[in-house]
PDB file of all heavy atoms in Angstrom:
ATOM      1  N   PHE A   1     133.963  -9.457  75.405  1.00  0.00           N
ATOM      2  CA  PHE A   1     133.355  -9.206  76.714  1.00  0.00           C
ATOM      3  C   PHE A   1     131.847  -9.416  76.662  1.00  0.00           C
ATOM      4  O   PHE A   1     131.275 -10.096  77.535  1.00  0.00           O
ATOM      5  CB  PHE A   1     133.673  -7.782  77.166  1.00  0.00           C
ATOM      6  CG  PHE A   1     132.886  -7.332  78.382  1.00  0.00           C
ATOM      7  CD1 PHE A   1     133.227  -7.791  79.639  1.00  0.00           C
ATOM      8  CD2 PHE A   1     131.819  -6.463  78.260  1.00  0.00           C
ATOM      9  CE1 PHE A   1     132.505  -7.391  80.751  1.00  0.00           C
ATOM     10  CE2 PHE A   1     131.101  -6.057  79.348  1.00  0.00           C
ATOM     11  CZ  PHE A   1     131.448  -6.508  80.626  1.00  0.00           C
ATOM     12  N   GLU A   2     131.191  -8.882  75.665  1.00  0.00           N
ATOM     13  CA  GLU A   2     129.745  -9.007  75.556  1.00  0.00           C
ATOM     14  C   GLU A   2     129.323 -10.465  75.391  1.00  0.00           C
ATOM     15  O   GLU A   2     128.307 -10.898  75.944  1.00  0.00           O
ATOM     16  CB  GLU A   2     129.209  -8.153  74.419  1.00  0.00           C
ATOM     17  CG  GLU A   2     129.347  -6.656  74.704  1.00  0.00           C
ATOM     18  CD  GLU A   2     129.013  -5.806  73.478  1.00  0.00           C
ATOM     19  OE1 GLU A   2     128.785  -6.392  72.397  1.00  0.00           O
ATOM     20  OE2 GLU A   2     128.994  -4.558  73.612  1.00  0.00           O
ATOM     21  N   ARG A   3     130.091 -11.238  74.648  1.00  0.00           N
ATOM     22  CA  ARG A   3     129.759 -12.642  74.470  1.00  0.00           C
ATOM     23  C   ARG A   3     129.941 -13.427  75.759  1.00  0.00           C
ATOM     24  O   ARG A   3     129.160 -14.341  76.061  1.00  0.00           O
ATOM     25  CB  ARG A   3     130.576 -13.250  73.337  1.00  0.00           C
ATOM     26  CG  ARG A   3     130.132 -12.753  71.966  1.00  0.00           C
ATOM     27  CD  ARG A   3     130.849 -13.409  70.817  1.00  0.00           C
ATOM     28  NE  ARG A   3     130.435 -12.813  69.554  1.00  0.00           N
ATOM     29  CZ  ARG A   3     129.321 -13.160  68.888  1.00  0.00           C
ATOM     30  NH1 ARG A   3     128.525 -14.111  69.368  1.00  0.00           N
ATOM     31  NH2 ARG A   3     129.007 -12.568  67.739  1.00  0.00           N
ATOM     32  N   PHE A   4     130.964 -13.086  76.546  1.00  0.00           N
ATOM     33  CA  PHE A   4     131.116 -13.770  77.838  1.00  0.00           C
ATOM     34  C   PHE A   4     129.978 -13.407  78.795  1.00  0.00           C
ATOM     35  O   PHE A   4     129.530 -14.244  79.558  1.00  0.00           O
ATOM     36  CB  PHE A   4     132.490 -13.462  78.427  1.00  0.00           C
ATOM     37  CG  PHE A   4     133.497 -14.525  78.160  1.00  0.00           C
ATOM     38  CD1 PHE A   4     134.369 -14.404  77.097  1.00  0.00           C
ATOM     39  CD2 PHE A   4     133.549 -15.685  78.926  1.00  0.00           C
ATOM     40  CE1 PHE A   4     135.312 -15.377  76.796  1.00  0.00           C
ATOM     41  CE2 PHE A   4     134.486 -16.675  78.650  1.00  0.00           C
ATOM     42  CZ  PHE A   4     135.359 -16.549  77.595  1.00  0.00           C
ATOM     43  N   VAL A   5     129.574 -12.155  78.774  1.00  0.00           N
ATOM     44  CA  VAL A   5     128.445 -11.761  79.620  1.00  0.00           C
ATOM     45  C   VAL A   5     127.189 -12.529  79.214  1.00  0.00           C
ATOM     46  O   VAL A   5     126.478 -13.100  80.071  1.00  0.00           O
ATOM     47  CB  VAL A   5     128.186 -10.240  79.530  1.00  0.00           C
ATOM     48  CG1 VAL A   5     126.867  -9.872  80.186  1.00  0.00           C
ATOM     49  CG2 VAL A   5     129.332  -9.489  80.200  1.00  0.00           C
ATOM     50  N   THR A   6     126.936 -12.624  77.937  1.00  0.00           N
ATOM     51  CA  THR A   6     125.774 -13.378  77.429  1.00  0.00           C
ATOM     52  C   THR A   6     125.879 -14.850  77.829  1.00  0.00           C
ATOM     53  O   THR A   6     124.900 -15.468  78.252  1.00  0.00           O
ATOM     54  CB  THR A   6     125.666 -13.243  75.915  1.00  0.00           C
ATOM     55  OG1 THR A   6     125.502 -11.859  75.585  1.00  0.00           O
ATOM     56  CG2 THR A   6     124.472 -14.024  75.374  1.00  0.00           C
ATOM     57  N   PHE A   7     127.071 -15.420  77.671  1.00  0.00           N
ATOM     58  CA  PHE A   7     127.297 -16.817  78.046  1.00  0.00           C
ATOM     59  C   PHE A   7     126.984 -17.052  79.497  1.00  0.00           C
ATOM     60  O   PHE A   7     126.231 -17.990  79.872  1.00  0.00           O
ATOM     61  CB  PHE A   7     128.753 -17.188  77.724  1.00  0.00           C
ATOM     62  CG  PHE A   7     129.334 -18.316  78.488  1.00  0.00           C
ATOM     63  CD1 PHE A   7     128.852 -19.624  78.298  1.00  0.00           C
ATOM     64  CD2 PHE A   7     130.351 -18.118  79.392  1.00  0.00           C
ATOM     65  CE1 PHE A   7     129.399 -20.674  79.001  1.00  0.00           C
ATOM     66  CE2 PHE A   7     130.903 -19.187  80.103  1.00  0.00           C
ATOM     67  CZ  PHE A   7     130.400 -20.464  79.933  1.00  0.00           C
ATOM     68  N   ARG A   8     127.520 -16.213  80.397  1.00  0.00           N
ATOM     69  CA  ARG A   8     127.313 -16.422  81.828  1.00  0.00           C
ATOM     70  C   ARG A   8     125.896 -16.098  82.264  1.00  0.00           C
ATOM     71  O   ARG A   8     125.348 -16.787  83.133  1.00  0.00           O
ATOM     72  CB  ARG A   8     128.362 -15.608  82.601  1.00  0.00           C
ATOM     73  CG  ARG A   8     129.760 -16.213  82.466  1.00  0.00           C
ATOM     74  CD  ARG A   8     130.852 -15.348  82.990  1.00  0.00           C
ATOM     75  NE  ARG A   8     132.132 -16.083  82.956  1.00  0.00           N
ATOM     76  CZ  ARG A   8     133.307 -15.544  82.702  1.00  0.00           C
ATOM     77  NH1 ARG A   8     133.411 -14.234  82.495  1.00  0.00           N
ATOM     78  NH2 ARG A   8     134.398 -16.269  82.671  1.00  0.00           N
ATOM     79  N   GLU A   9     125.303 -15.120  81.661  1.00  0.00           N
ATOM     80  CA  GLU A   9     123.902 -14.815  81.981  1.00  0.00           C
ATOM     81  C   GLU A   9     123.002 -15.982  81.554  1.00  0.00           C
ATOM     82  O   GLU A   9     122.017 -16.291  82.215  1.00  0.00           O
ATOM     83  CB  GLU A   9     123.472 -13.502  81.328  1.00  0.00           C
ATOM     84  CG  GLU A   9     124.066 -12.279  81.984  1.00  0.00           C
ATOM     85  CD  GLU A   9     123.679 -10.968  81.311  1.00  0.00           C
ATOM     86  OE1 GLU A   9     123.219 -11.030  80.131  1.00  0.00           O
ATOM     87  OE2 GLU A   9     123.835  -9.915  81.926  1.00  0.00           O
ATOM     88  N   GLY A  10     123.365 -16.621  80.422  1.00  0.00           N
ATOM     89  CA  GLY A  10     122.598 -17.786  79.979  1.00  0.00           C
ATOM     90  C   GLY A  10     122.688 -18.944  80.949  1.00  0.00           C
ATOM     91  O   GLY A  10     121.810 -19.822  80.922  1.00  0.00           O
ATOM     92  N   LEU A  11     123.709 -18.972  81.798  1.00  0.00           N
ATOM     93  CA  LEU A  11     123.835 -20.025  82.823  1.00  0.00           C
ATOM     94  C   LEU A  11     123.138 -19.638  84.137  1.00  0.00           C
ATOM     95  O   LEU A  11     123.143 -20.438  85.080  1.00  0.00           O
ATOM     96  CB  LEU A  11     125.338 -20.272  83.097  1.00  0.00           C
ATOM     97  CG  LEU A  11     126.158 -20.750  81.908  1.00  0.00           C
ATOM     98  CD1 LEU A  11     127.624 -20.827  82.286  1.00  0.00           C
ATOM     99  CD2 LEU A  11     125.665 -22.109  81.410  1.00  0.00           C
ATOM    100  N   GLY A  12     122.542 -18.453  84.167  1.00  0.00           N
ATOM    101  CA  GLY A  12     121.791 -18.047  85.351  1.00  0.00           C
ATOM    102  C   GLY A  12     122.487 -17.073  86.281  1.00  0.00           C
ATOM    103  O   GLY A  12     122.016 -16.831  87.392  1.00  0.00           O
ATOM    104  N   MET A  13     123.598 -16.516  85.841  1.00  0.00           N
ATOM    105  CA  MET A  13     124.359 -15.580  86.684  1.00  0.00           C
ATOM    106  C   MET A  13     124.018 -14.128  86.309  1.00  0.00           C
ATOM    107  O   MET A  13     123.747 -13.812  85.163  1.00  0.00           O
ATOM    108  CB  MET A  13     125.855 -15.773  86.518  1.00  0.00           C
ATOM    109  CG  MET A  13     126.359 -17.188  86.589  1.00  0.00           C
ATOM    110  SD  MET A  13     128.149 -17.259  86.291  1.00  0.00           S
ATOM    111  CE  MET A  13     128.336 -18.939  85.663  1.00  0.00           C
ATOM    112  N   GLU A  14     124.071 -13.237  87.302  1.00  0.00           N
ATOM    113  CA  GLU A  14     124.034 -11.803  87.033  1.00  0.00           C
ATOM    114  C   GLU A  14     125.474 -11.304  86.958  1.00  0.00           C
ATOM    115  O   GLU A  14     126.255 -11.499  87.894  1.00  0.00           O
ATOM    116  CB  GLU A  14     123.285 -11.043  88.124  1.00  0.00           C
ATOM    117  CG  GLU A  14     123.257  -9.537  87.849  1.00  0.00           C
ATOM    118  CD  GLU A  14     122.673  -8.715  88.967  1.00  0.00           C
ATOM    119  OE1 GLU A  14     122.792  -9.133  90.150  1.00  0.00           O
ATOM    120  OE2 GLU A  14     122.142  -7.617  88.717  1.00  0.00           O
ATOM    121  N   ILE A  15     125.823 -10.686  85.831  1.00  0.00           N
ATOM    122  CA  ILE A  15     127.196 -10.231  85.592  1.00  0.00           C
ATOM    123  C   ILE A  15     127.222  -8.700  85.562  1.00  0.00           C
ATOM    124  O   ILE A  15     126.504  -8.070  84.784  1.00  0.00           O
ATOM    125  CB  ILE A  15     127.761 -10.795  84.266  1.00  0.00           C
ATOM    126  CG1 ILE A  15     127.634 -12.314  84.244  1.00  0.00           C
ATOM    127  CG2 ILE A  15     129.171 -10.330  84.065  1.00  0.00           C
ATOM    128  CD1 ILE A  15     128.430 -13.006  85.309  1.00  0.00           C
ATOM    129  N   LEU A  16     128.057  -8.119  86.409  1.00  0.00           N
ATOM    130  CA  LEU A  16     128.210  -6.657  86.463  1.00  0.00           C
ATOM    131  C   LEU A  16     129.574  -6.308  85.912  1.00  0.00           C
ATOM    132  O   LEU A  16     130.589  -6.917  86.300  1.00  0.00           O
ATOM    133  CB  LEU A  16     128.104  -6.176  87.923  1.00  0.00           C
ATOM    134  CG  LEU A  16     126.883  -6.618  88.700  1.00  0.00           C
ATOM    135  CD1 LEU A  16     127.030  -6.256  90.168  1.00  0.00           C
ATOM    136  CD2 LEU A  16     125.607  -6.002  88.127  1.00  0.00           C
ATOM    137  N   PRO A  17     129.658  -5.336  85.019  1.00  0.00           N
ATOM    138  CA  PRO A  17     130.968  -4.908  84.529  1.00  0.00           C
ATOM    139  C   PRO A  17     131.742  -4.163  85.612  1.00  0.00           C
ATOM    140  O   PRO A  17     131.144  -3.478  86.459  1.00  0.00           O
ATOM    141  CB  PRO A  17     130.635  -3.973  83.371  1.00  0.00           C
ATOM    142  CG  PRO A  17     129.265  -3.421  83.716  1.00  0.00           C
ATOM    143  CD  PRO A  17     128.559  -4.533  84.438  1.00  0.00           C
ATOM    144  N   THR A  18     133.074  -4.322  85.632  1.00  0.00           N
ATOM    145  CA  THR A  18     133.887  -3.631  86.610  1.00  0.00           C
ATOM    146  C   THR A  18     133.815  -2.125  86.421  1.00  0.00           C
ATOM    147  O   THR A  18     133.960  -1.363  87.385  1.00  0.00           O
ATOM    148  CB  THR A  18     135.345  -4.112  86.563  1.00  0.00           C
ATOM    149  OG1 THR A  18     135.795  -4.024  85.186  1.00  0.00           O
ATOM    150  CG2 THR A  18     135.471  -5.534  87.042  1.00  0.00           C
ATOM    151  N   THR A  19     133.643  -1.691  85.168  1.00  0.00           N
ATOM    152  CA  THR A  19     133.535  -0.269  84.876  1.00  0.00           C
ATOM    153  C   THR A  19     132.418  -0.067  83.861  1.00  0.00           C
ATOM    154  O   THR A  19     132.079  -0.980  83.098  1.00  0.00           O
ATOM    155  CB  THR A  19     134.845   0.277  84.282  1.00  0.00           C
ATOM    156  OG1 THR A  19     135.169  -0.457  83.080  1.00  0.00           O
ATOM    157  CG2 THR A  19     136.000   0.168  85.263  1.00  0.00           C
ATOM    158  N   GLY A  20     131.840   1.125  83.877  1.00  0.00           N
ATOM    159  CA  GLY A  20     130.883   1.481  82.848  1.00  0.00           C
ATOM    160  C   GLY A  20     129.440   1.108  83.147  1.00  0.00           C
ATOM    161  O   GLY A  20     128.562   1.311  82.320  1.00  0.00           O
ATOM    162  N   GLY A  21     129.170   0.554  84.324  1.00  0.00           N
ATOM    163  CA  GLY A  21     127.800   0.194  84.702  1.00  0.00           C
ATOM    164  C   GLY A  21     127.014   1.398  85.179  1.00  0.00           C
ATOM    165  O   GLY A  21     127.548   2.472  85.442  1.00  0.00           O
ATOM    166  N   ALA A  22     125.693   1.209  85.351  1.00  0.00           N
ATOM    167  CA  ALA A  22     124.867   2.307  85.818  1.00  0.00           C
ATOM    168  C   ALA A  22     125.174   2.693  87.281  1.00  0.00           C
ATOM    169  O   ALA A  22     125.042   3.860  87.650  1.00  0.00           O
ATOM    170  CB  ALA A  22     123.390   1.899  85.711  1.00  0.00           C
ATOM    171  N   ARG A  23     125.630   1.725  88.064  1.00  0.00           N
ATOM    172  CA  ARG A  23     126.001   1.974  89.476  1.00  0.00           C
ATOM    173  C   ARG A  23     127.328   1.290  89.734  1.00  0.00           C
ATOM    174  O   ARG A  23     127.654   0.310  89.059  1.00  0.00           O
ATOM    175  CB  ARG A  23     124.940   1.422  90.434  1.00  0.00           C
ATOM    176  CG  ARG A  23     123.569   2.038  90.309  1.00  0.00           C
ATOM    177  CD  ARG A  23     122.579   1.246  91.163  1.00  0.00           C
ATOM    178  NE  ARG A  23     122.923   1.232  92.562  1.00  0.00           N
ATOM    179  CZ  ARG A  23     122.485   0.324  93.439  1.00  0.00           C
ATOM    180  NH1 ARG A  23     121.718  -0.682  93.034  1.00  0.00           N
ATOM    181  NH2 ARG A  23     122.822   0.400  94.713  1.00  0.00           N
ATOM    182  N   PRO A  24     128.112   1.761  90.734  1.00  0.00           N
ATOM    183  CA  PRO A  24     129.335   1.049  91.088  1.00  0.00           C
ATOM    184  C   PRO A  24     129.009  -0.395  91.472  1.00  0.00           C
ATOM    185  O   PRO A  24     128.022  -0.653  92.207  1.00  0.00           O
ATOM    186  CB  PRO A  24     129.860   1.849  92.291  1.00  0.00           C
ATOM    187  CG  PRO A  24     129.266   3.198  92.146  1.00  0.00           C
ATOM    188  CD  PRO A  24     127.912   2.986  91.513  1.00  0.00           C
ATOM    189  N   PRO A  25     129.797  -1.361  90.988  1.00  0.00           N
ATOM    190  CA  PRO A  25     129.450  -2.773  91.285  1.00  0.00           C
ATOM    191  C   PRO A  25     129.392  -3.083  92.766  1.00  0.00           C
ATOM    192  O   PRO A  25     128.579  -3.921  93.145  1.00  0.00           O
ATOM    193  CB  PRO A  25     130.545  -3.550  90.560  1.00  0.00           C
ATOM    194  CG  PRO A  25     131.608  -2.573  90.240  1.00  0.00           C
ATOM    195  CD  PRO A  25     130.972  -1.245  90.131  1.00  0.00           C
ATOM    196  N   ILE A  26     130.200  -2.433  93.583  1.00  0.00           N
ATOM    197  CA  ILE A  26     130.159  -2.779  95.017  1.00  0.00           C
ATOM    198  C   ILE A  26     128.826  -2.388  95.627  1.00  0.00           C
ATOM    199  O   ILE A  26     128.332  -3.067  96.543  1.00  0.00           O
ATOM    200  CB  ILE A  26     131.335  -2.133  95.786  1.00  0.00           C
ATOM    201  CG1 ILE A  26     131.480  -2.740  97.172  1.00  0.00           C
ATOM    202  CG2 ILE A  26     131.196  -0.607  95.841  1.00  0.00           C
ATOM    203  CD1 ILE A  26     132.782  -2.484  97.855  1.00  0.00           C
ATOM    204  N   ASP A  27     128.191  -1.313  95.138  1.00  0.00           N
ATOM    205  CA  ASP A  27     126.879  -0.923  95.628  1.00  0.00           C
ATOM    206  C   ASP A  27     125.815  -1.943  95.240  1.00  0.00           C
ATOM    207  O   ASP A  27     124.965  -2.316  96.052  1.00  0.00           O
ATOM    208  CB  ASP A  27     126.509   0.448  95.129  1.00  0.00           C
ATOM    209  CG  ASP A  27     127.368   1.571  95.706  1.00  0.00           C
ATOM    210  OD1 ASP A  27     128.030   1.327  96.743  1.00  0.00           O
ATOM    211  OD2 ASP A  27     127.399   2.657  95.129  1.00  0.00           O
ATOM    212  N   VAL A  28     125.889  -2.406  93.998  1.00  0.00           N
ATOM    213  CA  VAL A  28     124.924  -3.408  93.538  1.00  0.00           C
ATOM    214  C   VAL A  28     125.126  -4.719  94.297  1.00  0.00           C
ATOM    215  O   VAL A  28     124.172  -5.361  94.739  1.00  0.00           O
ATOM    216  CB  VAL A  28     125.057  -3.650  92.015  1.00  0.00           C
ATOM    217  CG1 VAL A  28     124.060  -4.697  91.545  1.00  0.00           C
ATOM    218  CG2 VAL A  28     124.844  -2.344  91.245  1.00  0.00           C
ATOM    219  N   LEU A  29     126.369  -5.139  94.473  1.00  0.00           N
ATOM    220  CA  LEU A  29     126.641  -6.386  95.178  1.00  0.00           C
ATOM    221  C   LEU A  29     126.219  -6.297  96.655  1.00  0.00           C
ATOM    222  O   LEU A  29     125.776  -7.314  97.239  1.00  0.00           O
ATOM    223  CB  LEU A  29     128.108  -6.749  95.072  1.00  0.00           C
ATOM    224  CG  LEU A  29     128.595  -7.104  93.640  1.00  0.00           C
ATOM    225  CD1 LEU A  29     130.089  -7.370  93.640  1.00  0.00           C
ATOM    226  CD2 LEU A  29     127.842  -8.312  93.094  1.00  0.00           C
ATOM    227  N   THR A  30     126.350  -5.113  97.252  1.00  0.00           N
ATOM    228  CA  THR A  30     125.860  -4.943  98.621  1.00  0.00           C
ATOM    229  C   THR A  30     124.344  -5.213  98.681  1.00  0.00           C
ATOM    230  O   THR A  30     123.863  -5.926  99.568  1.00  0.00           O
ATOM    231  CB  THR A  30     126.170  -3.543  99.101  1.00  0.00           C
ATOM    232  OG1 THR A  30     127.571  -3.340  99.175  1.00  0.00           O
ATOM    233  CG2 THR A  30     125.572  -3.285 100.482  1.00  0.00           C
TER     234      THR A  30
END
């Protein structure tokens, strides 16, 4: 999972985990 996050962030994307993040992803995406 961490390697895929690093891979996609390296392409310019912001990646939010479905669980375990500092805020619920729907709030961040809003």
